[in-house]
C-alpha atoms as a PDB file:
ATOM      1  CA  UNK A   1       0.000   0.000   0.000  1.00  0.00           C
ATOM      2  CA  UNK A   2       1.502   3.302  -1.099  1.00  0.00           C
ATOM      3  CA  UNK A   3       1.288   6.549   0.899  1.00  0.00           C
ATOM      4  CA  UNK A   4      -1.375   8.796  -0.604  1.00  0.00           C
ATOM      5  CA  UNK A   5      -0.424  12.293  -1.748  1.00  0.00           C
ATOM      6  CA  UNK A   6      -1.568  14.809   0.917  1.00  0.00           C
ATOM      7  CA  UNK A   7      -3.926  16.646  -1.459  1.00  0.00           C
ATOM      8  CA  UNK A   8      -5.694  13.359  -2.246  1.00  0.00           C
ATOM      9  CA  UNK A   9      -5.748  11.972   1.300  1.00  0.00           C
ATOM     10  CA  UNK A  10      -9.305  13.176   2.164  1.00  0.00           C
ATOM     11  CA  UNK A  11     -10.616  11.398  -0.924  1.00  0.00           C
ATOM     12  CA  UNK A  12      -8.441   8.300  -1.317  1.00  0.00           C
ATOM     13  CA  UNK A  13      -8.460   6.048   1.750  1.00  0.00           C
ATOM     14  CA  UNK A  14      -5.918   3.658   0.245  1.00  0.00           C
ATOM     15  CA  UNK A  15      -3.967   3.169  -2.969  1.00  0.00           C
ATOM     16  CA  UNK A  16      -2.344  -0.184  -3.674  1.00  0.00           C
ATOM     17  CA  UNK A  17      -0.294  -1.390  -6.630  1.00  0.00           C
ATOM     18  CA  UNK A  18      -0.671  -5.175  -6.687  1.00  0.00           C
ATOM     19  CA  UNK A  19       1.019  -8.030  -8.512  1.00  0.00           C
ATOM     20  CA  UNK A  20      -0.073 -11.309  -6.967  1.00  0.00           C
ATOM     21  CA  UNK A  21       0.317 -14.963  -7.889  1.00  0.00           C
ATOM     22  CA  UNK A  22      -2.670 -16.859  -6.515  1.00  0.00           C
ATOM     23  CA  UNK A  23      -1.370 -20.229  -7.627  1.00  0.00           C
ATOM     24  CA  UNK A  24      -4.378 -21.362  -9.634  1.00  0.00           C
ATOM     25  CA  UNK A  25      -7.480 -19.982 -11.335  1.00  0.00           C
ATOM     26  CA  UNK A  26     -10.337 -19.163  -9.006  1.00  0.00           C
ATOM     27  CA  UNK A  27     -12.880 -16.660  -7.771  1.00  0.00           C
ATOM     28  CA  UNK A  28     -12.067 -13.934  -5.261  1.00  0.00           C
ATOM     29  CA  UNK A  29     -14.746 -12.260  -3.132  1.00  0.00           C
ATOM     30  CA  UNK A  30     -14.993  -8.494  -3.243  1.00  0.00           C
ATOM     31  CA  UNK A  31     -16.513  -7.589   0.105  1.00  0.00           C
ATOM     32  CA  UNK A  32     -18.749  -4.604   0.908  1.00  0.00           C
ATOM     33  CA  UNK A  33     -17.146  -1.663   2.676  1.00  0.00           C
ATOM     34  CA  UNK A  34     -17.742   1.958   3.616  1.00  0.00           C
ATOM     35  CA  UNK A  35     -15.557   3.114   0.711  1.00  0.00           C
ATOM     36  CA  UNK A  36     -15.965   3.002  -3.059  1.00  0.00           C
ATOM     37  CA  UNK A  37     -13.750   0.527  -4.906  1.00  0.00           C
ATOM     38  CA  UNK A  38     -11.784   1.672  -7.949  1.00  0.00           C
ATOM     39  CA  UNK A  39      -9.702  -0.956  -9.795  1.00  0.00           C
ATOM     40  CA  UNK A  40      -7.368  -0.480 -12.761  1.00  0.00           C
ATOM     41  CA  UNK A  41      -6.076  -3.868 -13.948  1.00  0.00           C
ATOM     42  CA  UNK A  42      -2.924  -4.195 -16.032  1.00  0.00           C
ATOM     43  CA  UNK A  43      -2.163  -6.927 -18.579  1.00  0.00           C
ATOM     44  CA  UNK A  44      -5.678  -8.309 -18.749  1.00  0.00           C
ATOM     45  CA  UNK A  45      -9.112  -6.894 -17.915  1.00  0.00           C
ATOM     46  CA  UNK A  46     -10.786  -7.581 -14.602  1.00  0.00           C
ATOM     47  CA  UNK A  47     -13.489 -10.253 -14.945  1.00  0.00           C
ATOM     48  CA  UNK A  48     -15.932  -9.105 -12.272  1.00  0.00           C
ATOM     49  CA  UNK A  49     -19.621  -8.959 -11.444  1.00  0.00           C
ATOM     50  CA  UNK A  50     -22.030  -8.934  -8.522  1.00  0.00           C
ATOM     51  CA  UNK A  51     -22.504 -12.341  -6.896  1.00  0.00           C
ATOM     52  CA  UNK A  52     -25.827 -13.820  -7.975  1.00  0.00           C
ATOM     53  CA  UNK A  53     -26.346 -11.264 -10.769  1.00  0.00           C
ATOM     54  CA  UNK A  54     -25.011 -12.935 -13.942  1.00  0.00           C
ATOM     55  CA  UNK A  55     -25.819  -9.960 -16.177  1.00  0.00           C
ATOM     56  CA  UNK A  56     -23.438  -7.752 -14.187  1.00  0.00           C
ATOM     57  CA  UNK A  57     -20.355  -9.840 -15.005  1.00  0.00           C
ATOM     58  CA  UNK A  58     -18.014  -8.384 -17.622  1.00  0.00           C
ATOM     59  CA  UNK A  59     -14.324  -8.031 -18.426  1.00  0.00           C
ATOM     60  CA  UNK A  60     -13.434  -4.416 -17.701  1.00  0.00           C
ATOM     61  CA  UNK A  61     -10.235  -2.371 -18.010  1.00  0.00           C
ATOM     62  CA  UNK A  62     -11.502  -0.117 -15.217  1.00  0.00           C
ATOM     63  CA  UNK A  63     -14.101  -0.752 -12.537  1.00  0.00           C
ATOM     64  CA  UNK A  64     -15.680   1.733 -10.145  1.00  0.00           C
ATOM     65  CA  UNK A  65     -18.086   0.272  -7.592  1.00  0.00           C
ATOM     66  CA  UNK A  66     -20.271   2.410  -5.361  1.00  0.00           C
ATOM     67  CA  UNK A  67     -21.315   1.467  -1.835  1.00  0.00           C
ATOM     68  CA  UNK A  68     -23.190  -1.819  -1.776  1.00  0.00           C
ATOM     69  CA  UNK A  69     -24.417  -4.424   0.692  1.00  0.00           C
ATOM     70  CA  UNK A  70     -23.559  -7.566  -1.296  1.00  0.00           C
ATOM     71  CA  UNK A  71     -20.326  -9.161  -2.524  1.00  0.00           C
ATOM     72  CA  UNK A  72     -18.682  -9.015  -5.922  1.00  0.00           C
ATOM     73  CA  UNK A  73     -16.959 -11.965  -7.576  1.00  0.00           C
ATOM     74  CA  UNK A  74     -13.619 -11.537  -9.345  1.00  0.00           C
ATOM     75  CA  UNK A  75     -12.763 -14.413 -11.668  1.00  0.00           C
ATOM     76  CA  UNK A  76      -9.022 -14.799 -12.261  1.00  0.00           C
ATOM     77  CA  UNK A  77      -6.549 -17.110 -13.995  1.00  0.00           C
ATOM     78  CA  UNK A  78      -4.229 -17.302 -10.993  1.00  0.00           C
ATOM     79  CA  UNK A  79      -2.523 -13.927 -11.329  1.00  0.00           C
ATOM     80  CA  UNK A  80      -3.711 -10.356 -10.854  1.00  0.00           C
ATOM     81  CA  UNK A  81      -1.841  -7.136 -11.635  1.00  0.00           C
ATOM     82  CA  UNK A  82      -2.959  -3.538 -11.367  1.00  0.00           C
ATOM     83  CA  UNK A  83      -3.808  -0.666  -9.057  1.00  0.00           C
ATOM     84  CA  UNK A  84      -6.691  -0.628  -6.570  1.00  0.00           C
ATOM     85  CA  UNK A  85      -8.018   2.362  -4.654  1.00  0.00           C
ATOM     86  CA  UNK A  86     -10.549   2.799  -1.873  1.00  0.00           C
ATOM     87  CA  UNK A  87     -12.289   6.153  -2.294  1.00  0.00           C
ATOM     88  CA  UNK A  88     -14.127   7.985   0.451  1.00  0.00           C
ATOM     89  CA  UNK A  89     -17.671   9.189  -0.167  1.00  0.00           C
ATOM     90  CA  UNK A  90     -16.264  12.716  -0.381  1.00  0.00           C
ATOM     91  CA  UNK A  91     -13.944  11.434  -3.095  1.00  0.00           C
ATOM     92  CA  UNK A  92     -16.877  10.833  -5.443  1.00  0.00           C
ATOM     93  CA  UNK A  93     -17.650  14.559  -5.472  1.00  0.00           C
ATOM     94  CA  UNK A  94     -14.054  15.752  -5.519  1.00  0.00           C
ATOM     95  CA  UNK A  95     -12.786  13.365  -8.199  1.00  0.00           C
ATOM     96  CA  UNK A  96     -15.860  12.662 -10.328  1.00  0.00           C
ATOM     97  CA  UNK A  97     -18.114  15.635  -9.647  1.00  0.00           C
ATOM     98  CA  UNK A  98     -21.035  13.623  -8.299  1.00  0.00           C
ATOM     99  CA  UNK A  99     -22.286  12.391  -4.921  1.00  0.00           C
ATOM    100  CA  UNK A 100     -21.494   8.807  -4.028  1.00  0.00           C
ATOM    101  CA  UNK A 101     -25.249   8.162  -4.034  1.00  0.00           C
ATOM    102  CA  UNK A 102     -25.207   8.214  -7.850  1.00  0.00           C
ATOM    103  CA  UNK A 103     -22.789   5.276  -7.800  1.00  0.00           C
ATOM    104  CA  UNK A 104     -24.407   3.213  -5.021  1.00  0.00           C
ATOM    105  CA  UNK A 105     -24.892  -0.413  -6.041  1.00  0.00           C
ATOM    106  CA  UNK A 106     -23.357   0.249  -9.450  1.00  0.00           C
ATOM    107  CA  UNK A 107     -20.348  -1.319 -11.157  1.00  0.00           C
ATOM    108  CA  UNK A 108     -19.177   1.099 -13.861  1.00  0.00           C
ATOM    109  CA  UNK A 109     -16.213   1.887 -16.083  1.00  0.00           C
ATOM    110  CA  UNK A 110     -14.295   5.161 -16.215  1.00  0.00           C
ATOM    111  CA  UNK A 111     -15.907   6.139 -19.495  1.00  0.00           C
ATOM    112  CA  UNK A 112     -19.291   6.074 -17.715  1.00  0.00           C
ATOM    113  CA  UNK A 113     -18.173   8.289 -14.842  1.00  0.00           C
ATOM    114  CA  UNK A 114     -15.108  10.306 -15.845  1.00  0.00           C
ATOM    115  CA  UNK A 115     -14.627  10.439 -19.642  1.00  0.00           C
ATOM    116  CA  UNK A 116     -11.495  12.550 -19.158  1.00  0.00           C
ATOM    117  CA  UNK A 117      -9.879   9.515 -17.489  1.00  0.00           C
ATOM    118  CA  UNK A 118     -10.863   6.974 -20.138  1.00  0.00           C
ATOM    119  CA  UNK A 119      -7.235   6.645 -21.303  1.00  0.00           C
ATOM    120  CA  UNK A 120      -5.861   5.970 -17.805  1.00  0.00           C
ATOM    121  CA  UNK A 121      -5.777   2.159 -18.297  1.00  0.00           C
ATOM    122  CA  UNK A 122      -3.686   2.666 -21.451  1.00  0.00           C
ATOM    123  CA  UNK A 123      -1.315   4.972 -19.621  1.00  0.00           C
ATOM    124  CA  UNK A 124      -0.813   2.320 -16.934  1.00  0.00           C
ATOM    125  CA  UNK A 125      -0.149  -0.340 -19.541  1.00  0.00           C
ATOM    126  CA  UNK A 126       2.601   1.786 -21.064  1.00  0.00           C
ATOM    127  CA  UNK A 127       4.462   2.655 -17.851  1.00  0.00           C
ATOM    128  CA  UNK A 128       6.669   0.576 -15.590  1.00  0.00           C
ATOM    129  CA  UNK A 129       5.343  -1.085 -12.446  1.00  0.00           C
ATOM    130  CA  UNK A 130       7.238   1.426 -10.313  1.00  0.00           C
ATOM    131  CA  UNK A 131       5.485   4.334 -12.043  1.00  0.00           C
ATOM    132  CA  UNK A 132       1.874   3.138 -11.783  1.00  0.00           C
ATOM    133  CA  UNK A 133       1.011   4.742  -8.463  1.00  0.00           C
ATOM    134  CA  UNK A 134       2.445   8.080  -9.557  1.00  0.00           C
ATOM    135  CA  UNK A 135       0.544   7.964 -12.864  1.00  0.00           C
ATOM    136  CA  UNK A 136      -2.736   7.348 -11.027  1.00  0.00           C
ATOM    137  CA  UNK A 137      -2.031  10.100  -8.499  1.00  0.00           C
ATOM    138  CA  UNK A 138      -1.270  12.607 -11.253  1.00  0.00           C
ATOM    139  CA  UNK A 139      -4.484  11.719 -13.074  1.00  0.00           C
ATOM    140  CA  UNK A 140      -6.618  12.046  -9.933  1.00  0.00           C
ATOM    141  CA  UNK A 141      -4.907  15.297  -8.928  1.00  0.00           C
ATOM    142  CA  UNK A 142      -5.922  16.723 -12.310  1.00  0.00           C
ATOM    143  CA  UNK A 143      -9.524  15.636 -11.679  1.00  0.00           C
ATOM    144  CA  UNK A 144      -9.413  17.210  -8.229  1.00  0.00           C
ATOM    145  CA  UNK A 145      -8.340  20.495  -9.779  1.00  0.00           C
ATOM    146  CA  UNK A 146     -11.133  20.164 -12.334  1.00  0.00           C
ATOM    147  CA  UNK A 147     -13.928  19.537  -9.841  1.00  0.00           C
ATOM    148  CA  UNK A 148     -12.628  21.409  -6.802  1.00  0.00           C
ATOM    149  CA  UNK A 149     -12.753  20.197  -3.230  1.00  0.00           C
ATOM    150  CA  UNK A 150     -16.455  20.729  -2.522  1.00  0.00           C
ATOM    151  CA  UNK A 151     -17.697  17.955  -0.296  1.00  0.00           C
ATOM    152  CA  UNK A 152     -20.916  17.224   1.552  1.00  0.00           C
ATOM    153  CA  UNK A 153     -22.146  19.620   4.202  1.00  0.00           C
ATOM    154  CA  UNK A 154     -19.867  19.412   7.211  1.00  0.00           C
ATOM    155  CA  UNK A 155     -22.558  17.947   9.424  1.00  0.00           C
ATOM    156  CA  UNK A 156     -23.308  15.222   6.865  1.00  0.00           C
ATOM    157  CA  UNK A 157     -19.629  14.289   6.667  1.00  0.00           C
ATOM    158  CA  UNK A 158     -19.504  14.223  10.467  1.00  0.00           C
ATOM    159  CA  UNK A 159     -22.607  12.031  10.603  1.00  0.00           C
ATOM    160  CA  UNK A 160     -21.180   9.558   8.084  1.00  0.00           C
ATOM    161  CA  UNK A 161     -17.943   9.295  10.055  1.00  0.00           C
ATOM    162  CA  UNK A 162     -19.791   8.638  13.324  1.00  0.00           C
ATOM    163  CA  UNK A 163     -22.173   6.121  11.761  1.00  0.00           C
ATOM    164  CA  UNK A 164     -19.213   4.255  10.274  1.00  0.00           C
ATOM    165  CA  UNK A 165     -17.680   4.067  13.759  1.00  0.00           C
ATOM    166  CA  UNK A 166     -20.909   2.518  15.039  1.00  0.00           C
ATOM    167  CA  UNK A 167     -22.590   5.384  16.886  1.00  0.00           C
ATOM    168  CA  UNK A 168     -26.362   5.054  17.300  1.00  0.00           C
ATOM    169  CA  UNK A 169     -28.422   6.801  14.622  1.00  0.00           C
ATOM    170  CA  UNK A 170     -30.434   8.827  17.156  1.00  0.00           C
ATOM    171  CA  UNK A 171     -27.275   9.960  18.933  1.00  0.00           C
ATOM    172  CA  UNK A 172     -25.772  11.093  15.626  1.00  0.00           C
ATOM    173  CA  UNK A 173     -28.951  12.941  14.666  1.00  0.00           C
ATOM    174  CA  UNK A 174     -29.029  14.713  18.029  1.00  0.00           C
ATOM    175  CA  UNK A 175     -25.365  15.634  17.759  1.00  0.00           C
ATOM    176  CA  UNK A 176     -25.659  17.240  14.309  1.00  0.00           C
ATOM    177  CA  UNK A 177     -28.962  18.929  15.163  1.00  0.00           C
ATOM    178  CA  UNK A 178     -31.285  17.124  12.742  1.00  0.00           C
ATOM    179  CA  UNK A 179     -34.336  14.953  13.177  1.00  0.00           C
ATOM    180  CA  UNK A 180     -33.710  11.293  12.541  1.00  0.00           C
ATOM    181  CA  UNK A 181     -35.818  11.462   9.372  1.00  0.00           C
ATOM    182  CA  UNK A 182     -33.989  14.505   7.986  1.00  0.00           C
ATOM    183  CA  UNK A 183     -30.623  12.896   8.736  1.00  0.00           C
ATOM    184  CA  UNK A 184     -31.724   9.770   6.868  1.00  0.00           C
ATOM    185  CA  UNK A 185     -32.667  11.862   3.836  1.00  0.00           C
ATOM    186  CA  UNK A 186     -29.327  13.698   3.788  1.00  0.00           C
ATOM    187  CA  UNK A 187     -27.295  10.517   4.232  1.00  0.00           C
ATOM    188  CA  UNK A 188     -29.165   8.711   1.448  1.00  0.00           C
ATOM    189  CA  UNK A 189     -28.698  11.679  -0.884  1.00  0.00           C
ATOM    190  CA  UNK A 190     -24.973  11.693  -0.152  1.00  0.00           C
ATOM    191  CA  UNK A 191     -24.016   8.010  -0.237  1.00  0.00           C
ATOM    192  CA  UNK A 192     -27.069   6.067  -1.397  1.00  0.00           C
ATOM    193  CA  UNK A 193     -27.523   4.131   1.846  1.00  0.00           C
ATOM    194  CA  UNK A 194     -29.597   4.679   4.971  1.00  0.00           C
ATOM    195  CA  UNK A 195     -27.858   5.566   8.245  1.00  0.00           C
ATOM    196  CA  UNK A 196     -28.526   2.055   9.533  1.00  0.00           C
ATOM    197  CA  UNK A 197     -26.942   0.553   6.424  1.00  0.00           C
ATOM    198  CA  UNK A 198     -23.854   2.737   6.884  1.00  0.00           C
ATOM    199  CA  UNK A 199     -23.587   1.534  10.490  1.00  0.00           C
ATOM    200  CA  UNK A 200     -24.004  -2.051   9.329  1.00  0.00           C
ATOM    201  CA  UNK A 201     -21.202  -1.765   6.778  1.00  0.00           C
ATOM    202  CA  UNK A 202     -18.946  -0.061   9.317  1.00  0.00           C
ATOM    203  CA  UNK A 203     -19.471  -2.894  11.785  1.00  0.00           C
ATOM    204  CA  UNK A 204     -18.839  -5.488   9.070  1.00  0.00           C
ATOM    205  CA  UNK A 205     -15.658  -3.669   8.052  1.00  0.00           C
ATOM    206  CA  UNK A 206     -14.408  -3.660  11.650  1.00  0.00           C
ATOM    207  CA  UNK A 207     -15.079  -7.367  11.988  1.00  0.00           C
ATOM    208  CA  UNK A 208     -13.189  -8.094   8.789  1.00  0.00           C
ATOM    209  CA  UNK A 209     -10.151  -6.296  10.212  1.00  0.00           C
ATOM    210  CA  UNK A 210      -9.989  -8.528  13.312  1.00  0.00           C
ATOM    211  CA  UNK A 211     -11.017 -11.922  11.940  1.00  0.00           C
ATOM    212  CA  UNK A 212      -8.276 -14.477  12.426  1.00  0.00           C
ATOM    213  CA  UNK A 213      -6.720 -12.502  15.267  1.00  0.00           C
ATOM    214  CA  UNK A 214      -9.121 -13.665  17.968  1.00  0.00           C
ATOM    215  CA  UNK A 215     -11.993 -16.130  18.490  1.00  0.00           C
ATOM    216  CA  UNK A 216     -15.193 -15.217  16.646  1.00  0.00           C
ATOM    217  CA  UNK A 217     -17.115 -14.709  19.881  1.00  0.00           C
ATOM    218  CA  UNK A 218     -14.606 -12.063  20.976  1.00  0.00           C
ATOM    219  CA  UNK A 219     -14.655 -10.440  17.536  1.00  0.00           C
ATOM    220  CA  UNK A 220     -18.444 -10.264  17.698  1.00  0.00           C
ATOM    221  CA  UNK A 221     -18.335  -8.589  21.109  1.00  0.00           C
ATOM    222  CA  UNK A 222     -15.647  -6.077  20.141  1.00  0.00           C
ATOM    223  CA  UNK A 223     -17.342  -5.095  16.880  1.00  0.00           C
ATOM    224  CA  UNK A 224     -20.823  -4.564  18.288  1.00  0.00           C
ATOM    225  CA  UNK A 225     -22.676  -7.730  17.313  1.00  0.00           C
ATOM    226  CA  UNK A 226     -25.150  -9.286  19.734  1.00  0.00           C
ATOM    227  CA  UNK A 227     -23.222 -12.581  19.685  1.00  0.00           C
ATOM    228  CA  UNK A 228     -21.236 -14.890  17.421  1.00  0.00           C
ATOM    229  CA  UNK A 229     -24.378 -16.121  15.656  1.00  0.00           C
ATOM    230  CA  UNK A 230     -25.308 -12.550  14.811  1.00  0.00           C
ATOM    231  CA  UNK A 231     -21.866 -11.930  13.328  1.00  0.00           C
ATOM    232  CA  UNK A 232     -22.129 -15.111  11.257  1.00  0.00           C
ATOM    233  CA  UNK A 233     -25.585 -14.205   9.920  1.00  0.00           C
ATOM    234  CA  UNK A 234     -24.347 -10.784   8.886  1.00  0.00           C
ATOM    235  CA  UNK A 235     -21.345 -12.286   7.101  1.00  0.00           C
ATOM    236  CA  UNK A 236     -23.570 -14.680   5.172  1.00  0.00           C
ATOM    237  CA  UNK A 237     -25.807 -11.765   4.182  1.00  0.00           C
ATOM    238  CA  UNK A 238     -23.034  -9.326   3.227  1.00  0.00           C
ATOM    239  CA  UNK A 239     -20.177 -11.572   2.095  1.00  0.00           C
ATOM    240  CA  UNK A 240     -22.120 -14.569   0.857  1.00  0.00           C
ATOM    241  CA  UNK A 241     -20.355 -16.919   3.266  1.00  0.00           C
ATOM    242  CA  UNK A 242     -19.664 -17.431   6.981  1.00  0.00           C
ATOM    243  CA  UNK A 243     -16.538 -15.723   8.333  1.00  0.00           C
ATOM    244  CA  UNK A 244     -14.693 -19.017   8.721  1.00  0.00           C
ATOM    245  CA  UNK A 245     -15.180 -19.764   5.023  1.00  0.00           C
ATOM    246  CA  UNK A 246     -13.744 -16.369   4.099  1.00  0.00           C
ATOM    247  CA  UNK A 247     -10.762 -16.960   6.378  1.00  0.00           C
ATOM    248  CA  UNK A 248     -10.064 -20.330   4.753  1.00  0.00           C
ATOM    249  CA  UNK A 249     -10.267 -18.757   1.303  1.00  0.00           C
ATOM    250  CA  UNK A 250      -8.078 -15.755   2.091  1.00  0.00           C
ATOM    251  CA  UNK A 251      -5.676 -17.292   4.616  1.00  0.00           C
ATOM    252  CA  UNK A 252      -5.621 -21.072   4.048  1.00  0.00           C
ATOM    253  CA  UNK A 253      -2.744 -21.636   6.480  1.00  0.00           C
ATOM    254  CA  UNK A 254      -4.283 -19.664   9.338  1.00  0.00           C
ATOM    255  CA  UNK A 255      -5.057 -21.735  12.424  1.00  0.00           C
ATOM    256  CA  UNK A 256      -8.788 -22.020  13.100  1.00  0.00           C
ATOM    257  CA  UNK A 257      -9.508 -19.793  16.093  1.00  0.00           C
ATOM    258  CA  UNK A 258     -13.196 -20.519  16.224  1.00  0.00           C
ATOM    259  CA  UNK A 259     -14.014 -24.179  16.659  1.00  0.00           C
ATOM    260  CA  UNK A 260     -17.455 -25.266  15.391  1.00  0.00           C
ATOM    261  CA  UNK A 261     -19.143 -22.752  13.081  1.00  0.00           C
ATOM    262  CA  UNK A 262     -22.059 -20.876  14.592  1.00  0.00           C
ATOM    263  CA  UNK A 263     -24.954 -20.723  12.169  1.00  0.00           C
ATOM    264  CA  UNK A 264     -27.863 -19.397  14.229  1.00  0.00           C
END
């Protein structure tokens, strides 16, 4: 993961140049998160679609996915090369000139969202691996200059941050001075999800960060789930599999910290 240029830091949560050998062809899960996913493959297009939605699968030289509450499936031949970014909701406005709500649940290409960046995949193909991050940063910096740094109203940005951390919706509404209904309207208009859905994704994201480091029951407690069964149900709903299945897929040599799978 490369350090993000300071001017882009409010809009790009992470920027990673990847070149991985997965050993054999397979399918990788793209999990929901509180950030937008922007992928620029190199060498071959990314074969990706929403799980359970066959018509969404396509080979793309650029993929921008808005916030969503279901997994994607990336089909690969055993190797993957490219650049992947996680964009904040503010990044949608600053880099593409639109609220993240317009991208929610969508899986689009650059030509659909930012025609001025349509040649970015070609530029990456022509540069060395060491230059890819810099090429992407330069391109996004130009878009930032084009669109300016206008973001959501400060109180909406504050509300999104608190909801992502897991604060109760009513507490957030009281803190920013809005009714619960008005807050819900503003949040949906900004990111395309309800406040409760933002909280849900934030909790899921926190659990993903600690899985494999502690027993599932402890992870459930720390991340705000009622119990281990609740965590497992949420993983099945959002990731399409129980957490132990995801751990086996992503980290096959990791010792099982859970014991029998809870399925309640």
